[in-house]
Amino acid sequence: YSARGHIAPPRETHKNVDIYRAGGTRLDK
């Protein structure tokens, strides 16, 4: 969305929250 084009880590911890990013397509919404 607003950060389209940015590749975020598939797994990270940010502000005490464990984040798991699933892989999927990122075509023009």
mmCIF file of all heavy atoms, coordinates in Angstrom:
data_MODEL
# 
_entry.id   MODEL 
# 
loop_
_atom_site.group_PDB 
_atom_site.id 
_atom_site.type_symbol 
_atom_site.label_atom_id 
_atom_site.label_alt_id 
_atom_site.label_comp_id 
_atom_site.label_asym_id 
_atom_site.label_entity_id 
_atom_site.label_seq_id 
_atom_site.pdbx_PDB_ins_code 
_atom_site.Cartn_x 
_atom_site.Cartn_y 
_atom_site.Cartn_z 
_atom_site.occupancy 
_atom_site.B_iso_or_equiv 
_atom_site.pdbx_formal_charge 
_atom_site.auth_seq_id 
_atom_site.auth_comp_id 
_atom_site.auth_asym_id 
_atom_site.auth_atom_id 
_atom_site.pdbx_PDB_model_num 
ATOM 1   N N   . TYR A 1 1  ? 0.861  -1.187  0.000   1.00 0.00 ? 1  TYR A N   1 
ATOM 2   C CA  . TYR A 1 1  ? 0.000  0.000   0.000   1.00 0.00 ? 1  TYR A CA  1 
ATOM 3   C C   . TYR A 1 1  ? 0.899  1.240   0.000   1.00 0.00 ? 1  TYR A C   1 
ATOM 4   O O   . TYR A 1 1  ? 1.568  1.516   -0.972  1.00 0.00 ? 1  TYR A O   1 
ATOM 5   C CB  . TYR A 1 1  ? -0.956 -0.040  1.197   1.00 0.00 ? 1  TYR A CB  1 
ATOM 6   C CG  . TYR A 1 1  ? -1.958 -1.168  1.100   1.00 0.00 ? 1  TYR A CG  1 
ATOM 7   C CD1 . TYR A 1 1  ? -1.626 -2.471  1.485   1.00 0.00 ? 1  TYR A CD1 1 
ATOM 8   C CD2 . TYR A 1 1  ? -3.245 -0.940  0.608   1.00 0.00 ? 1  TYR A CD2 1 
ATOM 9   C CE1 . TYR A 1 1  ? -2.539 -3.512  1.380   1.00 0.00 ? 1  TYR A CE1 1 
ATOM 10  C CE2 . TYR A 1 1  ? -4.170 -1.965  0.505   1.00 0.00 ? 1  TYR A CE2 1 
ATOM 11  C CZ  . TYR A 1 1  ? -3.815 -3.251  0.885   1.00 0.00 ? 1  TYR A CZ  1 
ATOM 12  O OH  . TYR A 1 1  ? -4.718 -4.280  0.777   1.00 0.00 ? 1  TYR A OH  1 
ATOM 13  N N   . SER A 1 2  ? 0.936  1.972   1.104   1.00 0.00 ? 2  SER A N   1 
ATOM 14  C CA  . SER A 1 2  ? 1.769  3.172   1.148   1.00 0.00 ? 2  SER A CA  1 
ATOM 15  C C   . SER A 1 2  ? 3.257  2.843   1.064   1.00 0.00 ? 2  SER A C   1 
ATOM 16  O O   . SER A 1 2  ? 4.050  3.656   0.604   1.00 0.00 ? 2  SER A O   1 
ATOM 17  C CB  . SER A 1 2  ? 1.484  3.959   2.428   1.00 0.00 ? 2  SER A CB  1 
ATOM 18  O OG  . SER A 1 2  ? 1.797  3.182   3.571   1.00 0.00 ? 2  SER A OG  1 
ATOM 19  N N   . ALA A 1 3  ? 3.639  1.634   1.519   1.00 0.00 ? 3  ALA A N   1 
ATOM 20  C CA  . ALA A 1 3  ? 5.056  1.236   1.501   1.00 0.00 ? 3  ALA A CA  1 
ATOM 21  C C   . ALA A 1 3  ? 5.349  0.242   0.385   1.00 0.00 ? 3  ALA A C   1 
ATOM 22  O O   . ALA A 1 3  ? 6.300  -0.537  0.471   1.00 0.00 ? 3  ALA A O   1 
ATOM 23  C CB  . ALA A 1 3  ? 5.447  0.637   2.855   1.00 0.00 ? 3  ALA A CB  1 
ATOM 24  N N   . ARG A 1 4  ? 4.522  0.269   -0.663  1.00 0.00 ? 4  ARG A N   1 
ATOM 25  C CA  . ARG A 1 4  ? 4.720  -0.665  -1.767  1.00 0.00 ? 4  ARG A CA  1 
ATOM 26  C C   . ARG A 1 4  ? 6.100  -0.500  -2.379  1.00 0.00 ? 4  ARG A C   1 
ATOM 27  O O   . ARG A 1 4  ? 6.572  0.618   -2.599  1.00 0.00 ? 4  ARG A O   1 
ATOM 28  C CB  . ARG A 1 4  ? 3.649  -0.428  -2.843  1.00 0.00 ? 4  ARG A CB  1 
ATOM 29  C CG  . ARG A 1 4  ? 3.659  -1.500  -3.915  1.00 0.00 ? 4  ARG A CG  1 
ATOM 30  C CD  . ARG A 1 4  ? 2.444  -1.382  -4.815  1.00 0.00 ? 4  ARG A CD  1 
ATOM 31  N NE  . ARG A 1 4  ? 2.419  -2.512  -5.736  1.00 0.00 ? 4  ARG A NE  1 
ATOM 32  C CZ  . ARG A 1 4  ? 2.297  -2.400  -7.039  1.00 0.00 ? 4  ARG A CZ  1 
ATOM 33  N NH1 . ARG A 1 4  ? 2.194  -1.219  -7.600  1.00 0.00 ? 4  ARG A NH1 1 
ATOM 34  N NH2 . ARG A 1 4  ? 2.270  -3.466  -7.803  1.00 0.00 ? 4  ARG A NH2 1 
ATOM 35  N N   . GLY A 1 5  ? 6.749  -1.626  -2.644  1.00 0.00 ? 5  GLY A N   1 
ATOM 36  C CA  . GLY A 1 5  ? 8.105  -1.609  -3.173  1.00 0.00 ? 5  GLY A CA  1 
ATOM 37  C C   . GLY A 1 5  ? 9.144  -1.903  -2.106  1.00 0.00 ? 5  GLY A C   1 
ATOM 38  O O   . GLY A 1 5  ? 10.265 -2.291  -2.405  1.00 0.00 ? 5  GLY A O   1 
ATOM 39  N N   . HIS A 1 6  ? 8.755  -1.710  -0.848  1.00 0.00 ? 6  HIS A N   1 
ATOM 40  C CA  . HIS A 1 6  ? 9.656  -2.006  0.269   1.00 0.00 ? 6  HIS A CA  1 
ATOM 41  C C   . HIS A 1 6  ? 9.556  -3.489  0.614   1.00 0.00 ? 6  HIS A C   1 
ATOM 42  O O   . HIS A 1 6  ? 8.462  -4.026  0.752   1.00 0.00 ? 6  HIS A O   1 
ATOM 43  C CB  . HIS A 1 6  ? 9.262  -1.159  1.481   1.00 0.00 ? 6  HIS A CB  1 
ATOM 44  C CG  . HIS A 1 6  ? 10.034 -1.479  2.722   1.00 0.00 ? 6  HIS A CG  1 
ATOM 45  N ND1 . HIS A 1 6  ? 11.326 -1.053  2.928   1.00 0.00 ? 6  HIS A ND1 1 
ATOM 46  C CD2 . HIS A 1 6  ? 9.696  -2.192  3.835   1.00 0.00 ? 6  HIS A CD2 1 
ATOM 47  C CE1 . HIS A 1 6  ? 11.745 -1.479  4.100   1.00 0.00 ? 6  HIS A CE1 1 
ATOM 48  N NE2 . HIS A 1 6  ? 10.772 -2.173  4.669   1.00 0.00 ? 6  HIS A NE2 1 
ATOM 49  N N   . ILE A 1 7  ? 10.676 -4.148  0.738   1.00 0.00 ? 7  ILE A N   1 
ATOM 50  C CA  . ILE A 1 7  ? 10.701 -5.556  1.137   1.00 0.00 ? 7  ILE A CA  1 
ATOM 51  C C   . ILE A 1 7  ? 11.020 -5.619  2.629   1.00 0.00 ? 7  ILE A C   1 
ATOM 52  O O   . ILE A 1 7  ? 12.122 -5.252  3.055   1.00 0.00 ? 7  ILE A O   1 
ATOM 53  C CB  . ILE A 1 7  ? 11.748 -6.363  0.342   1.00 0.00 ? 7  ILE A CB  1 
ATOM 54  C CG1 . ILE A 1 7  ? 11.486 -6.234  -1.162  1.00 0.00 ? 7  ILE A CG1 1 
ATOM 55  C CG2 . ILE A 1 7  ? 11.717 -7.826  0.783   1.00 0.00 ? 7  ILE A CG2 1 
ATOM 56  C CD1 . ILE A 1 7  ? 10.176 -6.808  -1.612  1.00 0.00 ? 7  ILE A CD1 1 
ATOM 57  N N   . ALA A 1 8  ? 10.052 -6.051  3.417   1.00 0.00 ? 8  ALA A N   1 
ATOM 58  C CA  . ALA A 1 8  ? 10.246 -6.162  4.864   1.00 0.00 ? 8  ALA A CA  1 
ATOM 59  C C   . ALA A 1 8  ? 10.716 -7.566  5.223   1.00 0.00 ? 8  ALA A C   1 
ATOM 60  O O   . ALA A 1 8  ? 10.451 -8.527  4.488   1.00 0.00 ? 8  ALA A O   1 
ATOM 61  C CB  . ALA A 1 8  ? 8.936  -5.842  5.586   1.00 0.00 ? 8  ALA A CB  1 
ATOM 62  N N   . PRO A 1 9  ? 11.431 -7.725  6.335   1.00 0.00 ? 9  PRO A N   1 
ATOM 63  C CA  . PRO A 1 9  ? 11.898 -9.054  6.737   1.00 0.00 ? 9  PRO A CA  1 
ATOM 64  C C   . PRO A 1 9  ? 10.720 -10.009 6.938   1.00 0.00 ? 9  PRO A C   1 
ATOM 65  O O   . PRO A 1 9  ? 9.674  -9.602  7.454   1.00 0.00 ? 9  PRO A O   1 
ATOM 66  C CB  . PRO A 1 9  ? 12.614 -8.793  8.064   1.00 0.00 ? 9  PRO A CB  1 
ATOM 67  C CG  . PRO A 1 9  ? 12.922 -7.338  8.071   1.00 0.00 ? 9  PRO A CG  1 
ATOM 68  C CD  . PRO A 1 9  ? 11.842 -6.678  7.288   1.00 0.00 ? 9  PRO A CD  1 
ATOM 69  N N   . PRO A 1 10 ? 10.868 -11.268 6.548   1.00 0.00 ? 10 PRO A N   1 
ATOM 70  C CA  . PRO A 1 10 ? 9.775  -12.227 6.764   1.00 0.00 ? 10 PRO A CA  1 
ATOM 71  C C   . PRO A 1 10 ? 9.509  -12.487 8.245   1.00 0.00 ? 10 PRO A C   1 
ATOM 72  O O   . PRO A 1 10 ? 8.413  -12.917 8.611   1.00 0.00 ? 10 PRO A O   1 
ATOM 73  C CB  . PRO A 1 10 ? 10.257 -13.493 6.054   1.00 0.00 ? 10 PRO A CB  1 
ATOM 74  C CG  . PRO A 1 10 ? 11.728 -13.322 5.924   1.00 0.00 ? 10 PRO A CG  1 
ATOM 75  C CD  . PRO A 1 10 ? 12.000 -11.868 5.819   1.00 0.00 ? 10 PRO A CD  1 
ATOM 76  N N   . ARG A 1 11 ? 10.504 -12.195 9.077   1.00 0.00 ? 11 ARG A N   1 
ATOM 77  C CA  . ARG A 1 11 ? 10.352 -12.407 10.518  1.00 0.00 ? 11 ARG A CA  1 
ATOM 78  C C   . ARG A 1 11 ? 11.150 -11.341 11.251  1.00 0.00 ? 11 ARG A C   1 
ATOM 79  O O   . ARG A 1 11 ? 12.340 -11.156 10.999  1.00 0.00 ? 11 ARG A O   1 
ATOM 80  C CB  . ARG A 1 11 ? 10.875 -13.808 10.896  1.00 0.00 ? 11 ARG A CB  1 
ATOM 81  C CG  . ARG A 1 11 ? 11.054 -14.068 12.385  1.00 0.00 ? 11 ARG A CG  1 
ATOM 82  C CD  . ARG A 1 11 ? 9.718  -14.338 13.077  1.00 0.00 ? 11 ARG A CD  1 
ATOM 83  N NE  . ARG A 1 11 ? 9.922  -14.762 14.453  1.00 0.00 ? 11 ARG A NE  1 
ATOM 84  C CZ  . ARG A 1 11 ? 10.069 -13.928 15.494  1.00 0.00 ? 11 ARG A CZ  1 
ATOM 85  N NH1 . ARG A 1 11 ? 10.071 -12.619 15.292  1.00 0.00 ? 11 ARG A NH1 1 
ATOM 86  N NH2 . ARG A 1 11 ? 10.215 -14.395 16.718  1.00 0.00 ? 11 ARG A NH2 1 
ATOM 87  N N   . GLU A 1 12 ? 10.478 -10.578 12.115  1.00 0.00 ? 12 GLU A N   1 
ATOM 88  C CA  . GLU A 1 12 ? 11.178 -9.593  12.933  1.00 0.00 ? 12 GLU A CA  1 
ATOM 89  C C   . GLU A 1 12 ? 10.352 -9.286  14.173  1.00 0.00 ? 12 GLU A C   1 
ATOM 90  O O   . GLU A 1 12 ? 9.161  -9.629  14.253  1.00 0.00 ? 12 GLU A O   1 
ATOM 91  C CB  . GLU A 1 12 ? 11.449 -8.302  12.152  1.00 0.00 ? 12 GLU A CB  1 
ATOM 92  C CG  . GLU A 1 12 ? 10.218 -7.463  11.833  1.00 0.00 ? 12 GLU A CG  1 
ATOM 93  C CD  . GLU A 1 12 ? 10.585 -6.117  11.227  1.00 0.00 ? 12 GLU A CD  1 
ATOM 94  O OE1 . GLU A 1 12 ? 11.505 -5.447  11.752  1.00 0.00 ? 12 GLU A OE1 1 
ATOM 95  O OE2 . GLU A 1 12 ? 9.940  -5.726  10.221  1.00 0.00 ? 12 GLU A OE2 1 
ATOM 96  N N   . THR A 1 13 ? 11.004 -8.659  15.147  1.00 0.00 ? 13 THR A N   1 
ATOM 97  C CA  . THR A 1 13 ? 10.323 -8.182  16.343  1.00 0.00 ? 13 THR A CA  1 
ATOM 98  C C   . THR A 1 13 ? 10.437 -6.660  16.371  1.00 0.00 ? 13 THR A C   1 
ATOM 99  O O   . THR A 1 13 ? 11.530 -6.112  16.246  1.00 0.00 ? 13 THR A O   1 
ATOM 100 C CB  . THR A 1 13 ? 10.939 -8.774  17.622  1.00 0.00 ? 13 THR A CB  1 
ATOM 101 O OG1 . THR A 1 13 ? 10.806 -10.201 17.585  1.00 0.00 ? 13 THR A OG1 1 
ATOM 102 C CG2 . THR A 1 13 ? 10.223 -8.247  18.864  1.00 0.00 ? 13 THR A CG2 1 
ATOM 103 N N   . HIS A 1 14 ? 9.299  -6.001  16.492  1.00 0.00 ? 14 HIS A N   1 
ATOM 104 C CA  . HIS A 1 14 ? 9.267  -4.534  16.490  1.00 0.00 ? 14 HIS A CA  1 
ATOM 105 C C   . HIS A 1 14 ? 8.358  -4.071  17.612  1.00 0.00 ? 14 HIS A C   1 
ATOM 106 O O   . HIS A 1 14 ? 7.184  -4.422  17.661  1.00 0.00 ? 14 HIS A O   1 
ATOM 107 C CB  . HIS A 1 14 ? 8.774  -4.022  15.140  1.00 0.00 ? 14 HIS A CB  1 
ATOM 108 C CG  . HIS A 1 14 ? 8.764  -2.528  15.036  1.00 0.00 ? 14 HIS A CG  1 
ATOM 109 N ND1 . HIS A 1 14 ? 7.625  -1.764  15.208  1.00 0.00 ? 14 HIS A ND1 1 
ATOM 110 C CD2 . HIS A 1 14 ? 9.775  -1.638  14.785  1.00 0.00 ? 14 HIS A CD2 1 
ATOM 111 C CE1 . HIS A 1 14 ? 7.910  -0.491  15.062  1.00 0.00 ? 14 HIS A CE1 1 
ATOM 112 N NE2 . HIS A 1 14 ? 9.209  -0.387  14.801  1.00 0.00 ? 14 HIS A NE2 1 
ATOM 113 N N   . LYS A 1 15 ? 8.935  -3.320  18.563  1.00 0.00 ? 15 LYS A N   1 
ATOM 114 C CA  . LYS A 1 15 ? 8.199  -2.800  19.719  1.00 0.00 ? 15 LYS A CA  1 
ATOM 115 C C   . LYS A 1 15 ? 7.456  -3.915  20.458  1.00 0.00 ? 15 LYS A C   1 
ATOM 116 O O   . LYS A 1 15 ? 6.259  -3.818  20.737  1.00 0.00 ? 15 LYS A O   1 
ATOM 117 C CB  . LYS A 1 15 ? 7.247  -1.686  19.281  1.00 0.00 ? 15 LYS A CB  1 
ATOM 118 C CG  . LYS A 1 15 ? 7.983  -0.452  18.777  1.00 0.00 ? 15 LYS A CG  1 
ATOM 119 C CD  . LYS A 1 15 ? 7.066  0.729   18.583  1.00 0.00 ? 15 LYS A CD  1 
ATOM 120 C CE  . LYS A 1 15 ? 7.869  1.968   18.156  1.00 0.00 ? 15 LYS A CE  1 
ATOM 121 N NZ  . LYS A 1 15 ? 7.015  3.160   17.961  1.00 0.00 ? 15 LYS A NZ  1 
ATOM 122 N N   . ASN A 1 16 ? 8.179  -4.980  20.740  1.00 0.00 ? 16 ASN A N   1 
ATOM 123 C CA  . ASN A 1 16 ? 7.700  -6.121  21.530  1.00 0.00 ? 16 ASN A CA  1 
ATOM 124 C C   . ASN A 1 16 ? 6.682  -6.994  20.804  1.00 0.00 ? 16 ASN A C   1 
ATOM 125 O O   . ASN A 1 16 ? 6.099  -7.897  21.407  1.00 0.00 ? 16 ASN A O   1 
ATOM 126 C CB  . ASN A 1 16 ? 7.091  -5.662  22.866  1.00 0.00 ? 16 ASN A CB  1 
ATOM 127 C CG  . ASN A 1 16 ? 8.108  -5.004  23.762  1.00 0.00 ? 16 ASN A CG  1 
ATOM 128 O OD1 . ASN A 1 16 ? 9.262  -5.412  23.825  1.00 0.00 ? 16 ASN A OD1 1 
ATOM 129 N ND2 . ASN A 1 16 ? 7.674  -3.955  24.458  1.00 0.00 ? 16 ASN A ND2 1 
ATOM 130 N N   . VAL A 1 17 ? 6.466  -6.745  19.527  1.00 0.00 ? 17 VAL A N   1 
ATOM 131 C CA  . VAL A 1 17 ? 5.532  -7.551  18.747  1.00 0.00 ? 17 VAL A CA  1 
ATOM 132 C C   . VAL A 1 17 ? 6.313  -8.429  17.780  1.00 0.00 ? 17 VAL A C   1 
ATOM 133 O O   . VAL A 1 17 ? 7.134  -7.927  16.998  1.00 0.00 ? 17 VAL A O   1 
ATOM 134 C CB  . VAL A 1 17 ? 4.545  -6.668  17.962  1.00 0.00 ? 17 VAL A CB  1 
ATOM 135 C CG1 . VAL A 1 17 ? 3.613  -7.530  17.106  1.00 0.00 ? 17 VAL A CG1 1 
ATOM 136 C CG2 . VAL A 1 17 ? 3.736  -5.778  18.899  1.00 0.00 ? 17 VAL A CG2 1 
ATOM 137 N N   . ASP A 1 18 ? 6.070  -9.742  17.819  1.00 0.00 ? 18 ASP A N   1 
ATOM 138 C CA  . ASP A 1 18 ? 6.691  -10.671 16.872  1.00 0.00 ? 18 ASP A CA  1 
ATOM 139 C C   . ASP A 1 18 ? 5.889  -10.650 15.575  1.00 0.00 ? 18 ASP A C   1 
ATOM 140 O O   . ASP A 1 18 ? 4.686  -10.928 15.576  1.00 0.00 ? 18 ASP A O   1 
ATOM 141 C CB  . ASP A 1 18 ? 6.720  -12.087 17.449  1.00 0.00 ? 18 ASP A CB  1 
ATOM 142 C CG  . ASP A 1 18 ? 7.608  -12.190 18.673  1.00 0.00 ? 18 ASP A CG  1 
ATOM 143 O OD1 . ASP A 1 18 ? 8.645  -11.505 18.712  1.00 0.00 ? 18 ASP A OD1 1 
ATOM 144 O OD2 . ASP A 1 18 ? 7.248  -12.945 19.600  1.00 0.00 ? 18 ASP A OD2 1 
ATOM 145 N N   . ILE A 1 19 ? 6.560  -10.328 14.478  1.00 0.00 ? 19 ILE A N   1 
ATOM 146 C CA  . ILE A 1 19 ? 5.889  -10.167 13.195  1.00 0.00 ? 19 ILE A CA  1 
ATOM 147 C C   . ILE A 1 19 ? 6.298  -11.291 12.251  1.00 0.00 ? 19 ILE A C   1 
ATOM 148 O O   . ILE A 1 19 ? 7.482  -11.538 12.043  1.00 0.00 ? 19 ILE A O   1 
ATOM 149 C CB  . ILE A 1 19 ? 6.246  -8.814  12.552  1.00 0.00 ? 19 ILE A CB  1 
ATOM 150 C CG1 . ILE A 1 19 ? 5.945  -7.656  13.519  1.00 0.00 ? 19 ILE A CG1 1 
ATOM 151 C CG2 . ILE A 1 19 ? 5.478  -8.621  11.244  1.00 0.00 ? 19 ILE A CG2 1 
ATOM 152 C CD1 . ILE A 1 19 ? 6.516  -6.327  13.064  1.00 0.00 ? 19 ILE A CD1 1 
ATOM 153 N N   . TYR A 1 20 ? 5.298  -11.960 11.692  1.00 0.00 ? 20 TYR A N   1 
ATOM 154 C CA  . TYR A 1 20 ? 5.516  -12.999 10.694  1.00 0.00 ? 20 TYR A CA  1 
ATOM 155 C C   . TYR A 1 20 ? 4.843  -12.537 9.402   1.00 0.00 ? 20 TYR A C   1 
ATOM 156 O O   . TYR A 1 20 ? 3.626  -12.369 9.355   1.00 0.00 ? 20 TYR A O   1 
ATOM 157 C CB  . TYR A 1 20 ? 4.918  -14.330 11.140  1.00 0.00 ? 20 TYR A CB  1 
ATOM 158 C CG  . TYR A 1 20 ? 5.520  -14.877 12.415  1.00 0.00 ? 20 TYR A CG  1 
ATOM 159 C CD1 . TYR A 1 20 ? 5.000  -14.509 13.648  1.00 0.00 ? 20 TYR A CD1 1 
ATOM 160 C CD2 . TYR A 1 20 ? 6.606  -15.750 12.381  1.00 0.00 ? 20 TYR A CD2 1 
ATOM 161 C CE1 . TYR A 1 20 ? 5.548  -14.996 14.827  1.00 0.00 ? 20 TYR A CE1 1 
ATOM 162 C CE2 . TYR A 1 20 ? 7.164  -16.251 13.559  1.00 0.00 ? 20 TYR A CE2 1 
ATOM 163 C CZ  . TYR A 1 20 ? 6.626  -15.858 14.774  1.00 0.00 ? 20 TYR A CZ  1 
ATOM 164 O OH  . TYR A 1 20 ? 7.170  -16.351 15.945  1.00 0.00 ? 20 TYR A OH  1 
ATOM 165 N N   . ARG A 1 21 ? 5.631  -12.310 8.366   1.00 0.00 ? 21 ARG A N   1 
ATOM 166 C CA  . ARG A 1 21 ? 5.088  -11.847 7.095   1.00 0.00 ? 21 ARG A CA  1 
ATOM 167 C C   . ARG A 1 21 ? 4.982  -13.010 6.117   1.00 0.00 ? 21 ARG A C   1 
ATOM 168 O O   . ARG A 1 21 ? 5.976  -13.661 5.799   1.00 0.00 ? 21 ARG A O   1 
ATOM 169 C CB  . ARG A 1 21 ? 5.941  -10.718 6.514   1.00 0.00 ? 21 ARG A CB  1 
ATOM 170 C CG  . ARG A 1 21 ? 5.921  -9.454  7.376   1.00 0.00 ? 21 ARG A CG  1 
ATOM 171 C CD  . ARG A 1 21 ? 6.629  -8.280  6.713   1.00 0.00 ? 21 ARG A CD  1 
ATOM 172 N NE  . ARG A 1 21 ? 6.519  -7.086  7.540   1.00 0.00 ? 21 ARG A NE  1 
ATOM 173 C CZ  . ARG A 1 21 ? 7.375  -6.755  8.511   1.00 0.00 ? 21 ARG A CZ  1 
ATOM 174 N NH1 . ARG A 1 21 ? 8.431  -7.535  8.741   1.00 0.00 ? 21 ARG A NH1 1 
ATOM 175 N NH2 . ARG A 1 21 ? 7.188  -5.658  9.220   1.00 0.00 ? 21 ARG A NH2 1 
ATOM 176 N N   . ALA A 1 22 ? 3.767  -13.242 5.663   1.00 0.00 ? 22 ALA A N   1 
ATOM 177 C CA  . ALA A 1 22 ? 3.526  -14.329 4.720   1.00 0.00 ? 22 ALA A CA  1 
ATOM 178 C C   . ALA A 1 22 ? 3.825  -13.860 3.309   1.00 0.00 ? 22 ALA A C   1 
ATOM 179 O O   . ALA A 1 22 ? 3.629  -12.686 2.980   1.00 0.00 ? 22 ALA A O   1 
ATOM 180 C CB  . ALA A 1 22 ? 2.073  -14.796 4.826   1.00 0.00 ? 22 ALA A CB  1 
ATOM 181 N N   . GLY A 1 23 ? 4.291  -14.759 2.496   1.00 0.00 ? 23 GLY A N   1 
ATOM 182 C CA  . GLY A 1 23 ? 4.613  -14.416 1.118   1.00 0.00 ? 23 GLY A CA  1 
ATOM 183 C C   . GLY A 1 23 ? 3.396  -14.535 0.224   1.00 0.00 ? 23 GLY A C   1 
ATOM 184 O O   . GLY A 1 23 ? 2.668  -15.527 0.256   1.00 0.00 ? 23 GLY A O   1 
ATOM 185 N N   . GLY A 1 24 ? 3.132  -13.529 -0.566  1.00 0.00 ? 24 GLY A N   1 
ATOM 186 C CA  . GLY A 1 24 ? 2.039  -13.544 -1.535  1.00 0.00 ? 24 GLY A CA  1 
ATOM 187 C C   . GLY A 1 24 ? 2.351  -12.557 -2.633  1.00 0.00 ? 24 GLY A C   1 
ATOM 188 O O   . GLY A 1 24 ? 3.344  -11.833 -2.571  1.00 0.00 ? 24 GLY A O   1 
ATOM 189 N N   . THR A 1 25 ? 1.514  -12.507 -3.642  1.00 0.00 ? 25 THR A N   1 
ATOM 190 C CA  . THR A 1 25 ? 1.751  -11.560 -4.727  1.00 0.00 ? 25 THR A CA  1 
ATOM 191 C C   . THR A 1 25 ? 1.505  -10.132 -4.248  1.00 0.00 ? 25 THR A C   1 
ATOM 192 O O   . THR A 1 25 ? 0.732  -9.888  -3.319  1.00 0.00 ? 25 THR A O   1 
ATOM 193 C CB  . THR A 1 25 ? 0.839  -11.858 -5.924  1.00 0.00 ? 25 THR A CB  1 
ATOM 194 O OG1 . THR A 1 25 ? -0.524 -11.850 -5.482  1.00 0.00 ? 25 THR A OG1 1 
ATOM 195 C CG2 . THR A 1 25 ? 1.160  -13.216 -6.521  1.00 0.00 ? 25 THR A CG2 1 
ATOM 196 N N   . ARG A 1 26 ? 2.167  -9.190  -4.926  1.00 0.00 ? 26 ARG A N   1 
ATOM 197 C CA  . ARG A 1 26 ? 1.995  -7.773  -4.591  1.00 0.00 ? 26 ARG A CA  1 
ATOM 198 C C   . ARG A 1 26 ? 1.719  -6.995  -5.873  1.00 0.00 ? 26 ARG A C   1 
ATOM 199 O O   . ARG A 1 26 ? 2.389  -6.019  -6.188  1.00 0.00 ? 26 ARG A O   1 
ATOM 200 C CB  . ARG A 1 26 ? 3.244  -7.236  -3.876  1.00 0.00 ? 26 ARG A CB  1 
ATOM 201 C CG  . ARG A 1 26 ? 3.489  -7.904  -2.528  1.00 0.00 ? 26 ARG A CG  1 
ATOM 202 C CD  . ARG A 1 26 ? 4.475  -7.119  -1.695  1.00 0.00 ? 26 ARG A CD  1 
ATOM 203 N NE  . ARG A 1 26 ? 5.802  -7.096  -2.286  1.00 0.00 ? 26 ARG A NE  1 
ATOM 204 C CZ  . ARG A 1 26 ? 6.785  -6.284  -1.878  1.00 0.00 ? 26 ARG A CZ  1 
ATOM 205 N NH1 . ARG A 1 26 ? 6.563  -5.427  -0.889  1.00 0.00 ? 26 ARG A NH1 1 
ATOM 206 N NH2 . ARG A 1 26 ? 7.971  -6.324  -2.448  1.00 0.00 ? 26 ARG A NH2 1 
ATOM 207 N N   . LEU A 1 27 ? 0.698  -7.442  -6.581  1.00 0.00 ? 27 LEU A N   1 
ATOM 208 C CA  . LEU A 1 27 ? 0.322  -6.784  -7.821  1.00 0.00 ? 27 LEU A CA  1 
ATOM 209 C C   . LEU A 1 27 ? -0.416 -5.478  -7.510  1.00 0.00 ? 27 LEU A C   1 
ATOM 210 O O   . LEU A 1 27 ? -0.814 -5.233  -6.372  1.00 0.00 ? 27 LEU A O   1 
ATOM 211 C CB  . LEU A 1 27 ? -0.566 -7.716  -8.655  1.00 0.00 ? 27 LEU A CB  1 
ATOM 212 C CG  . LEU A 1 27 ? 0.046  -9.093  -8.986  1.00 0.00 ? 27 LEU A CG  1 
ATOM 213 C CD1 . LEU A 1 27 ? -0.976 -9.976  -9.671  1.00 0.00 ? 27 LEU A CD1 1 
ATOM 214 C CD2 . LEU A 1 27 ? 1.297  -8.936  -9.836  1.00 0.00 ? 27 LEU A CD2 1 
ATOM 215 N N   . ASP A 1 28 ? -0.623 -4.658  -8.516  1.00 0.00 ? 28 ASP A N   1 
ATOM 216 C CA  . ASP A 1 28 ? -1.273 -3.361  -8.335  1.00 0.00 ? 28 ASP A CA  1 
ATOM 217 C C   . ASP A 1 28 ? -2.703 -3.563  -7.819  1.00 0.00 ? 28 ASP A C   1 
ATOM 218 O O   . ASP A 1 28 ? -3.573 -4.062  -8.532  1.00 0.00 ? 28 ASP A O   1 
ATOM 219 C CB  . ASP A 1 28 ? -1.289 -2.611  -9.666  1.00 0.00 ? 28 ASP A CB  1 
ATOM 220 C CG  . ASP A 1 28 ? -1.875 -1.209  -9.543  1.00 0.00 ? 28 ASP A CG  1 
ATOM 221 O OD1 . ASP A 1 28 ? -2.351 -0.842  -8.452  1.00 0.00 ? 28 ASP A OD1 1 
ATOM 222 O OD2 . ASP A 1 28 ? -1.853 -0.484  -10.553 1.00 0.00 ? 28 ASP A OD2 1 
ATOM 223 N N   . LYS A 1 29 ? -2.962 -3.139  -6.594  1.00 0.00 ? 29 LYS A N   1 
ATOM 224 C CA  . LYS A 1 29 ? -4.246 -3.380  -5.956  1.00 0.00 ? 29 LYS A CA  1 
ATOM 225 C C   . LYS A 1 29 ? -5.373 -2.556  -6.575  1.00 0.00 ? 29 LYS A C   1 
ATOM 226 O O   . LYS A 1 29 ? -6.558 -2.823  -6.330  1.00 0.00 ? 29 LYS A O   1 
ATOM 227 C CB  . LYS A 1 29 ? -4.165 -3.075  -4.460  1.00 0.00 ? 29 LYS A CB  1 
ATOM 228 C CG  . LYS A 1 29 ? -3.878 -1.608  -4.140  1.00 0.00 ? 29 LYS A CG  1 
ATOM 229 C CD  . LYS A 1 29 ? -3.781 -1.345  -2.663  1.00 0.00 ? 29 LYS A CD  1 
ATOM 230 C CE  . LYS A 1 29 ? -3.482 0.126   -2.383  1.00 0.00 ? 29 LYS A CE  1 
ATOM 231 N NZ  . LYS A 1 29 ? -4.537 1.015   -2.896  1.00 0.00 ? 29 LYS A NZ  1 
# 
